[in-house]
Amino acid sequence: MGIAAETSKIVLDGGNVVKGKDKVILCNKVFKENPNYSERALIKELEETFEVSKIIFLPWDKHDFTGHADGMVRFINDDTVLINKYTNESPDFQLGVRLALHNAGLKIIELPYNPYSNLSNKDASGIHQLSANERTCNRSYI
């Protein structure tokens, strides 16, 4: 492909990166994984590395051992994201996710999310199931 890899000292899992046109969404786990950086220096280097003007930090879902943003959110277009509808998580966590995205100027569309009956964190079967009513109401978004 003719693409040269660039080395970075930032510790960052690829699954924790959700990139839009001019924005990147990460879980705030990245701060814990990079204690040698100040928050400001890490944000600046991330913006330069990803060549974006905005980095959006979501709270880390402690029930997800990976701490990856790619299991929480996806860009639909430049100003709209699809997110998990966290019904069983703490109100503080739910508010933190919504607030981070709202403050970044993003519109939110929720996708029903139910991983709670899965017996293993290695199986994601059935976690995004829409009811018949939700399929009808959300068809234009998905």
N, C-alpha and C. Protein backbone atom coordinates (compact mmCIF):
# COMPACT_ATOMS: atom_id res chain seq x y z
N MET A 1 0.81 -1.20 0.00
CA MET A 1 0.00 0.00 0.00
C MET A 1 0.86 1.26 0.00
N GLY A 2 2.11 1.13 0.30
CA GLY A 2 2.99 2.29 0.28
C GLY A 2 2.80 3.25 1.44
N ILE A 3 2.27 2.75 2.55
CA ILE A 3 2.08 3.60 3.72
C ILE A 3 3.16 3.30 4.74
N ALA A 4 3.85 4.32 5.18
CA ALA A 4 4.90 4.13 6.17
C ALA A 4 4.30 4.28 7.57
N ALA A 5 4.64 3.34 8.43
CA ALA A 5 4.16 3.40 9.81
C ALA A 5 4.92 4.48 10.57
N GLU A 6 4.24 5.12 11.48
CA GLU A 6 4.87 6.11 12.35
C GLU A 6 4.86 5.58 13.77
N THR A 7 5.95 5.77 14.46
CA THR A 7 6.08 5.32 15.83
C THR A 7 5.66 6.43 16.78
N SER A 8 4.98 6.04 17.84
CA SER A 8 4.56 6.99 18.86
C SER A 8 4.86 6.41 20.22
N LYS A 9 5.12 7.27 21.18
CA LYS A 9 5.33 6.81 22.55
C LYS A 9 4.02 6.68 23.32
N ILE A 10 2.92 7.09 22.69
CA ILE A 10 1.60 7.00 23.34
C ILE A 10 1.18 5.53 23.42
N VAL A 11 0.71 5.12 24.59
CA VAL A 11 0.15 3.78 24.76
C VAL A 11 -1.34 3.90 24.43
N LEU A 12 -1.77 3.19 23.39
CA LEU A 12 -3.15 3.33 22.92
C LEU A 12 -3.57 2.08 22.16
N ASP A 13 -4.67 1.47 22.59
CA ASP A 13 -5.24 0.33 21.87
C ASP A 13 -5.98 0.85 20.65
N GLY A 14 -5.81 0.17 19.52
CA GLY A 14 -6.51 0.57 18.30
C GLY A 14 -8.02 0.58 18.46
N GLY A 15 -8.56 -0.33 19.25
CA GLY A 15 -10.01 -0.39 19.47
C GLY A 15 -10.55 0.77 20.28
N ASN A 16 -9.66 1.53 20.86
CA ASN A 16 -10.11 2.69 21.63
C ASN A 16 -10.16 3.94 20.76
N VAL A 17 -10.01 3.78 19.47
CA VAL A 17 -10.01 4.92 18.56
C VAL A 17 -11.20 4.83 17.62
N VAL A 18 -12.09 5.83 17.69
CA VAL A 18 -13.20 5.95 16.75
C VAL A 18 -13.00 7.28 16.04
N LYS A 19 -12.62 7.21 14.77
CA LYS A 19 -12.24 8.42 14.05
C LYS A 19 -13.34 8.87 13.11
N GLY A 20 -13.64 10.15 13.19
CA GLY A 20 -14.51 10.82 12.24
C GLY A 20 -13.64 11.66 11.32
N LYS A 21 -14.28 12.50 10.54
CA LYS A 21 -13.54 13.33 9.58
C LYS A 21 -12.51 14.22 10.27
N ASP A 22 -12.96 14.95 11.31
CA ASP A 22 -12.06 15.88 11.99
C ASP A 22 -12.11 15.71 13.50
N LYS A 23 -12.58 14.51 13.95
CA LYS A 23 -12.70 14.25 15.38
C LYS A 23 -12.28 12.81 15.65
N VAL A 24 -11.80 12.59 16.85
CA VAL A 24 -11.51 11.25 17.33
C VAL A 24 -12.16 11.09 18.69
N ILE A 25 -12.80 9.94 18.90
CA ILE A 25 -13.40 9.62 20.19
C ILE A 25 -12.58 8.52 20.84
N LEU A 26 -12.23 8.74 22.11
CA LEU A 26 -11.47 7.77 22.90
C LEU A 26 -12.12 7.64 24.27
N CYS A 27 -11.91 6.52 24.93
CA CYS A 27 -12.27 6.42 26.34
C CYS A 27 -11.16 7.06 27.16
N ASN A 28 -11.52 7.63 28.28
CA ASN A 28 -10.53 8.33 29.11
C ASN A 28 -9.50 7.38 29.73
N LYS A 29 -9.63 6.09 29.46
CA LYS A 29 -8.64 5.11 29.89
C LYS A 29 -7.24 5.47 29.38
N VAL A 30 -7.18 6.20 28.28
CA VAL A 30 -5.90 6.57 27.68
C VAL A 30 -5.04 7.41 28.64
N PHE A 31 -5.69 8.17 29.53
CA PHE A 31 -4.92 8.97 30.49
C PHE A 31 -4.24 8.07 31.52
N LYS A 32 -4.94 7.04 31.96
CA LYS A 32 -4.37 6.09 32.91
C LYS A 32 -3.20 5.31 32.29
N GLU A 33 -3.31 5.02 31.01
CA GLU A 33 -2.29 4.24 30.33
C GLU A 33 -1.05 5.07 29.95
N ASN A 34 -1.14 6.37 30.10
CA ASN A 34 -0.03 7.26 29.74
C ASN A 34 0.30 8.23 30.87
N PRO A 35 0.71 7.70 32.03
CA PRO A 35 0.97 8.56 33.18
C PRO A 35 2.16 9.49 33.01
N ASN A 36 3.01 9.20 32.02
CA ASN A 36 4.18 10.04 31.79
C ASN A 36 3.85 11.32 31.02
N TYR A 37 2.59 11.48 30.57
CA TYR A 37 2.15 12.68 29.87
C TYR A 37 1.24 13.50 30.78
N SER A 38 1.35 14.80 30.68
CA SER A 38 0.31 15.64 31.30
C SER A 38 -0.92 15.51 30.40
N GLU A 39 -2.08 15.80 30.95
CA GLU A 39 -3.32 15.70 30.16
C GLU A 39 -3.23 16.59 28.91
N ARG A 40 -2.79 17.81 29.11
CA ARG A 40 -2.69 18.76 27.98
C ARG A 40 -1.71 18.27 26.91
N ALA A 41 -0.55 17.76 27.33
CA ALA A 41 0.44 17.29 26.37
C ALA A 41 -0.06 16.06 25.60
N LEU A 42 -0.76 15.18 26.29
CA LEU A 42 -1.30 13.99 25.63
C LEU A 42 -2.35 14.38 24.60
N ILE A 43 -3.24 15.28 24.96
CA ILE A 43 -4.27 15.72 24.02
C ILE A 43 -3.63 16.36 22.80
N LYS A 44 -2.65 17.21 23.01
CA LYS A 44 -1.97 17.87 21.88
C LYS A 44 -1.31 16.85 20.96
N GLU A 45 -0.63 15.88 21.53
CA GLU A 45 0.03 14.87 20.70
C GLU A 45 -0.99 13.98 19.97
N LEU A 46 -2.10 13.66 20.62
CA LEU A 46 -3.15 12.88 19.96
C LEU A 46 -3.73 13.66 18.78
N GLU A 47 -3.99 14.95 18.96
CA GLU A 47 -4.51 15.77 17.87
C GLU A 47 -3.54 15.80 16.70
N GLU A 48 -2.26 15.93 16.99
CA GLU A 48 -1.26 15.95 15.93
C GLU A 48 -1.13 14.59 15.25
N THR A 49 -1.15 13.53 16.04
CA THR A 49 -1.00 12.19 15.49
C THR A 49 -2.17 11.84 14.57
N PHE A 50 -3.38 12.14 15.00
CA PHE A 50 -4.57 11.80 14.20
C PHE A 50 -4.97 12.89 13.22
N GLU A 51 -4.26 14.02 13.26
CA GLU A 51 -4.52 15.14 12.37
C GLU A 51 -5.99 15.58 12.44
N VAL A 52 -6.44 15.83 13.66
CA VAL A 52 -7.81 16.28 13.91
C VAL A 52 -7.78 17.51 14.81
N SER A 53 -8.89 18.22 14.83
CA SER A 53 -8.97 19.42 15.67
C SER A 53 -9.64 19.14 17.00
N LYS A 54 -10.25 17.96 17.15
CA LYS A 54 -10.97 17.69 18.39
C LYS A 54 -10.81 16.23 18.80
N ILE A 55 -10.46 16.03 20.08
CA ILE A 55 -10.44 14.71 20.69
C ILE A 55 -11.54 14.71 21.74
N ILE A 56 -12.42 13.72 21.68
CA ILE A 56 -13.55 13.62 22.60
C ILE A 56 -13.30 12.42 23.51
N PHE A 57 -13.38 12.65 24.81
CA PHE A 57 -13.10 11.59 25.78
C PHE A 57 -14.39 11.13 26.45
N LEU A 58 -14.67 9.84 26.35
CA LEU A 58 -15.82 9.24 27.01
C LEU A 58 -15.35 8.57 28.29
N PRO A 59 -16.25 8.46 29.28
CA PRO A 59 -15.87 7.71 30.48
C PRO A 59 -15.65 6.25 30.11
N TRP A 60 -14.75 5.64 30.81
CA TRP A 60 -14.41 4.24 30.61
C TRP A 60 -15.51 3.37 31.22
N ASP A 61 -16.10 2.50 30.40
CA ASP A 61 -17.10 1.54 30.88
C ASP A 61 -16.35 0.43 31.60
N LYS A 62 -16.36 0.45 32.91
CA LYS A 62 -15.59 -0.51 33.70
C LYS A 62 -16.07 -1.95 33.53
N HIS A 63 -17.28 -2.16 33.00
CA HIS A 63 -17.76 -3.51 32.72
C HIS A 63 -17.13 -4.08 31.45
N ASP A 64 -16.55 -3.21 30.63
CA ASP A 64 -15.88 -3.64 29.40
C ASP A 64 -14.38 -3.68 29.69
N PHE A 65 -13.85 -4.89 29.82
CA PHE A 65 -12.44 -5.03 30.21
C PHE A 65 -11.48 -4.38 29.22
N THR A 66 -11.91 -4.20 27.96
CA THR A 66 -11.01 -3.60 26.98
C THR A 66 -10.91 -2.08 27.14
N GLY A 67 -11.99 -1.45 27.62
CA GLY A 67 -11.99 0.00 27.74
C GLY A 67 -11.93 0.70 26.41
N HIS A 68 -12.53 0.10 25.38
CA HIS A 68 -12.46 0.63 24.03
C HIS A 68 -13.71 1.42 23.66
N ALA A 69 -13.50 2.54 23.01
CA ALA A 69 -14.61 3.37 22.54
C ALA A 69 -15.35 2.71 21.38
N ASP A 70 -14.68 1.83 20.61
CA ASP A 70 -15.33 1.26 19.44
C ASP A 70 -16.49 0.32 19.78
N GLY A 71 -16.61 -0.09 21.03
CA GLY A 71 -17.75 -0.88 21.46
C GLY A 71 -18.88 -0.02 22.02
N MET A 72 -18.67 1.29 22.03
CA MET A 72 -19.64 2.22 22.63
C MET A 72 -20.29 3.15 21.62
N VAL A 73 -19.54 3.53 20.59
CA VAL A 73 -19.96 4.63 19.72
C VAL A 73 -19.42 4.44 18.30
N ARG A 74 -20.17 4.94 17.32
CA ARG A 74 -19.75 4.96 15.92
C ARG A 74 -20.24 6.25 15.27
N PHE A 75 -19.42 6.83 14.42
CA PHE A 75 -19.86 7.97 13.64
C PHE A 75 -20.80 7.48 12.54
N ILE A 76 -21.93 8.17 12.38
CA ILE A 76 -22.83 7.92 11.26
C ILE A 76 -22.49 8.92 10.16
N ASN A 77 -22.22 10.15 10.56
CA ASN A 77 -21.73 11.19 9.66
C ASN A 77 -20.89 12.14 10.52
N ASP A 78 -20.52 13.28 9.97
CA ASP A 78 -19.61 14.18 10.69
C ASP A 78 -20.15 14.73 12.00
N ASP A 79 -21.48 14.80 12.12
CA ASP A 79 -22.03 15.41 13.34
C ASP A 79 -23.02 14.52 14.09
N THR A 80 -23.08 13.22 13.75
CA THR A 80 -24.01 12.31 14.40
C THR A 80 -23.31 11.00 14.75
N VAL A 81 -23.59 10.52 15.98
CA VAL A 81 -23.03 9.24 16.40
C VAL A 81 -24.14 8.29 16.85
N LEU A 82 -23.88 7.03 16.67
CA LEU A 82 -24.74 5.96 17.16
C LEU A 82 -24.10 5.45 18.44
N ILE A 83 -24.88 5.39 19.53
CA ILE A 83 -24.32 4.94 20.81
C ILE A 83 -25.17 3.82 21.39
N ASN A 84 -24.57 3.05 22.28
CA ASN A 84 -25.31 2.05 23.03
C ASN A 84 -26.29 2.75 23.96
N LYS A 85 -27.47 2.19 24.08
CA LYS A 85 -28.45 2.71 25.04
C LYS A 85 -28.18 1.99 26.37
N TYR A 86 -27.41 2.64 27.21
CA TYR A 86 -26.99 2.05 28.49
C TYR A 86 -28.11 2.17 29.50
N THR A 87 -28.93 1.15 29.61
CA THR A 87 -30.06 1.21 30.54
C THR A 87 -29.71 0.68 31.93
N ASN A 88 -28.74 -0.20 32.03
CA ASN A 88 -28.40 -0.80 33.33
C ASN A 88 -27.14 -0.22 33.95
N GLU A 89 -26.54 0.76 33.31
CA GLU A 89 -25.33 1.37 33.85
C GLU A 89 -25.72 2.51 34.78
N SER A 90 -24.78 2.94 35.58
CA SER A 90 -25.06 4.00 36.55
C SER A 90 -25.49 5.29 35.82
N PRO A 91 -26.37 6.05 36.45
CA PRO A 91 -26.77 7.33 35.86
C PRO A 91 -25.58 8.25 35.60
N ASP A 92 -24.57 8.21 36.47
CA ASP A 92 -23.38 9.05 36.27
C ASP A 92 -22.64 8.67 35.00
N PHE A 93 -22.51 7.36 34.75
CA PHE A 93 -21.84 6.89 33.53
C PHE A 93 -22.65 7.32 32.31
N GLN A 94 -23.96 7.07 32.33
CA GLN A 94 -24.82 7.42 31.20
C GLN A 94 -24.72 8.92 30.90
N LEU A 95 -24.79 9.73 31.94
CA LEU A 95 -24.70 11.18 31.78
C LEU A 95 -23.33 11.59 31.25
N GLY A 96 -22.28 10.94 31.74
CA GLY A 96 -20.93 11.26 31.28
C GLY A 96 -20.74 11.03 29.79
N VAL A 97 -21.28 9.92 29.29
CA VAL A 97 -21.19 9.62 27.86
C VAL A 97 -21.95 10.67 27.06
N ARG A 98 -23.18 10.90 27.45
CA ARG A 98 -24.03 11.85 26.73
C ARG A 98 -23.46 13.28 26.77
N LEU A 99 -22.98 13.68 27.92
CA LEU A 99 -22.43 15.02 28.08
C LEU A 99 -21.18 15.23 27.22
N ALA A 100 -20.30 14.26 27.20
CA ALA A 100 -19.08 14.38 26.39
C ALA A 100 -19.43 14.55 24.91
N LEU A 101 -20.39 13.77 24.44
CA LEU A 101 -20.78 13.86 23.03
C LEU A 101 -21.54 15.15 22.73
N HIS A 102 -22.44 15.52 23.63
CA HIS A 102 -23.20 16.76 23.47
C HIS A 102 -22.27 17.98 23.46
N ASN A 103 -21.33 18.01 24.40
CA ASN A 103 -20.40 19.13 24.49
C ASN A 103 -19.49 19.23 23.27
N ALA A 104 -19.34 18.12 22.56
CA ALA A 104 -18.55 18.12 21.33
C ALA A 104 -19.39 18.52 20.12
N GLY A 105 -20.69 18.81 20.38
CA GLY A 105 -21.56 19.24 19.29
C GLY A 105 -22.12 18.11 18.45
N LEU A 106 -22.10 16.91 18.99
CA LEU A 106 -22.57 15.75 18.24
C LEU A 106 -24.02 15.41 18.57
N LYS A 107 -24.78 15.03 17.55
CA LYS A 107 -26.13 14.50 17.74
C LYS A 107 -25.98 13.02 18.08
N ILE A 108 -26.93 12.53 18.88
CA ILE A 108 -26.85 11.15 19.37
C ILE A 108 -28.07 10.37 18.93
N ILE A 109 -27.84 9.16 18.43
CA ILE A 109 -28.90 8.20 18.17
C ILE A 109 -28.56 6.97 19.00
N GLU A 110 -29.52 6.51 19.80
CA GLU A 110 -29.28 5.35 20.66
C GLU A 110 -29.68 4.06 19.98
N LEU A 111 -28.91 3.03 20.24
CA LEU A 111 -29.19 1.68 19.76
C LEU A 111 -29.45 0.80 20.97
N PRO A 112 -30.60 0.12 21.03
CA PRO A 112 -30.86 -0.76 22.19
C PRO A 112 -29.68 -1.70 22.42
N TYR A 113 -29.32 -1.85 23.67
CA TYR A 113 -28.09 -2.54 24.05
C TYR A 113 -28.36 -3.39 25.27
N ASN A 114 -28.14 -4.71 25.15
CA ASN A 114 -28.41 -5.59 26.27
C ASN A 114 -27.37 -6.71 26.36
N PRO A 115 -26.19 -6.39 26.87
CA PRO A 115 -25.18 -7.43 27.05
C PRO A 115 -25.34 -8.16 28.37
N TYR A 116 -26.31 -7.74 29.18
CA TYR A 116 -26.38 -8.14 30.57
C TYR A 116 -26.73 -9.61 30.77
N SER A 117 -27.35 -10.24 29.78
CA SER A 117 -27.69 -11.66 29.93
C SER A 117 -26.60 -12.58 29.38
N ASN A 118 -25.59 -12.03 28.75
CA ASN A 118 -24.48 -12.85 28.24
C ASN A 118 -23.68 -13.39 29.41
N LEU A 119 -23.41 -14.68 29.38
CA LEU A 119 -22.70 -15.31 30.48
C LEU A 119 -21.20 -15.11 30.38
N SER A 120 -20.71 -14.72 29.22
CA SER A 120 -19.28 -14.56 29.01
C SER A 120 -19.01 -13.23 28.33
N ASN A 121 -17.92 -12.59 28.70
CA ASN A 121 -17.56 -11.35 28.03
C ASN A 121 -16.89 -11.62 26.69
N LYS A 122 -16.85 -12.89 26.29
CA LYS A 122 -16.28 -13.26 25.00
C LYS A 122 -17.35 -13.41 23.93
N ASP A 123 -18.62 -13.21 24.29
CA ASP A 123 -19.73 -13.40 23.37
C ASP A 123 -20.57 -12.14 23.31
N ALA A 124 -20.73 -11.59 22.11
CA ALA A 124 -21.54 -10.39 21.94
C ALA A 124 -22.86 -10.70 21.24
N SER A 125 -23.22 -11.96 21.14
CA SER A 125 -24.45 -12.35 20.45
C SER A 125 -25.67 -11.70 21.08
N GLY A 126 -26.47 -11.06 20.24
CA GLY A 126 -27.76 -10.54 20.68
C GLY A 126 -27.73 -9.27 21.49
N ILE A 127 -26.60 -8.59 21.60
CA ILE A 127 -26.59 -7.40 22.46
C ILE A 127 -27.24 -6.18 21.82
N HIS A 128 -27.41 -6.21 20.51
CA HIS A 128 -28.07 -5.09 19.83
C HIS A 128 -29.30 -5.61 19.10
N GLN A 129 -30.36 -5.91 19.83
CA GLN A 129 -31.59 -6.39 19.22
C GLN A 129 -32.66 -5.33 19.31
N LEU A 130 -33.27 -5.03 18.18
CA LEU A 130 -34.35 -4.06 18.12
C LEU A 130 -35.69 -4.77 18.22
N SER A 131 -36.62 -4.19 18.95
CA SER A 131 -37.99 -4.69 18.96
C SER A 131 -38.63 -4.28 17.63
N ALA A 132 -39.79 -4.84 17.30
CA ALA A 132 -40.49 -4.49 16.06
C ALA A 132 -40.78 -3.00 16.02
N ASN A 133 -41.18 -2.41 17.15
CA ASN A 133 -41.47 -0.98 17.21
C ASN A 133 -40.21 -0.15 16.97
N GLU A 134 -39.10 -0.57 17.56
CA GLU A 134 -37.85 0.17 17.37
C GLU A 134 -37.37 0.08 15.93
N ARG A 135 -37.55 -1.07 15.27
CA ARG A 135 -37.15 -1.22 13.88
C ARG A 135 -37.94 -0.24 13.01
N THR A 136 -39.23 -0.09 13.29
CA THR A 136 -40.07 0.83 12.52
C THR A 136 -39.66 2.27 12.77
N CYS A 137 -39.46 2.63 14.03
CA CYS A 137 -39.14 4.01 14.39
C CYS A 137 -37.75 4.44 13.94
N ASN A 138 -36.79 3.52 13.93
CA ASN A 138 -35.39 3.87 13.69
C ASN A 138 -34.90 3.54 12.28
N ARG A 139 -35.78 3.04 11.44
CA ARG A 139 -35.35 2.59 10.12
C ARG A 139 -34.60 3.68 9.35
N SER A 140 -35.01 4.92 9.47
CA SER A 140 -34.38 5.99 8.70
C SER A 140 -32.97 6.30 9.20
N TYR A 141 -32.62 5.88 10.39
CA TYR A 141 -31.30 6.20 10.94
C TYR A 141 -30.29 5.09 10.71
N ILE A 142 -30.74 3.87 10.61
CA ILE A 142 -29.82 2.73 10.57
C ILE A 142 -29.68 2.21 9.16
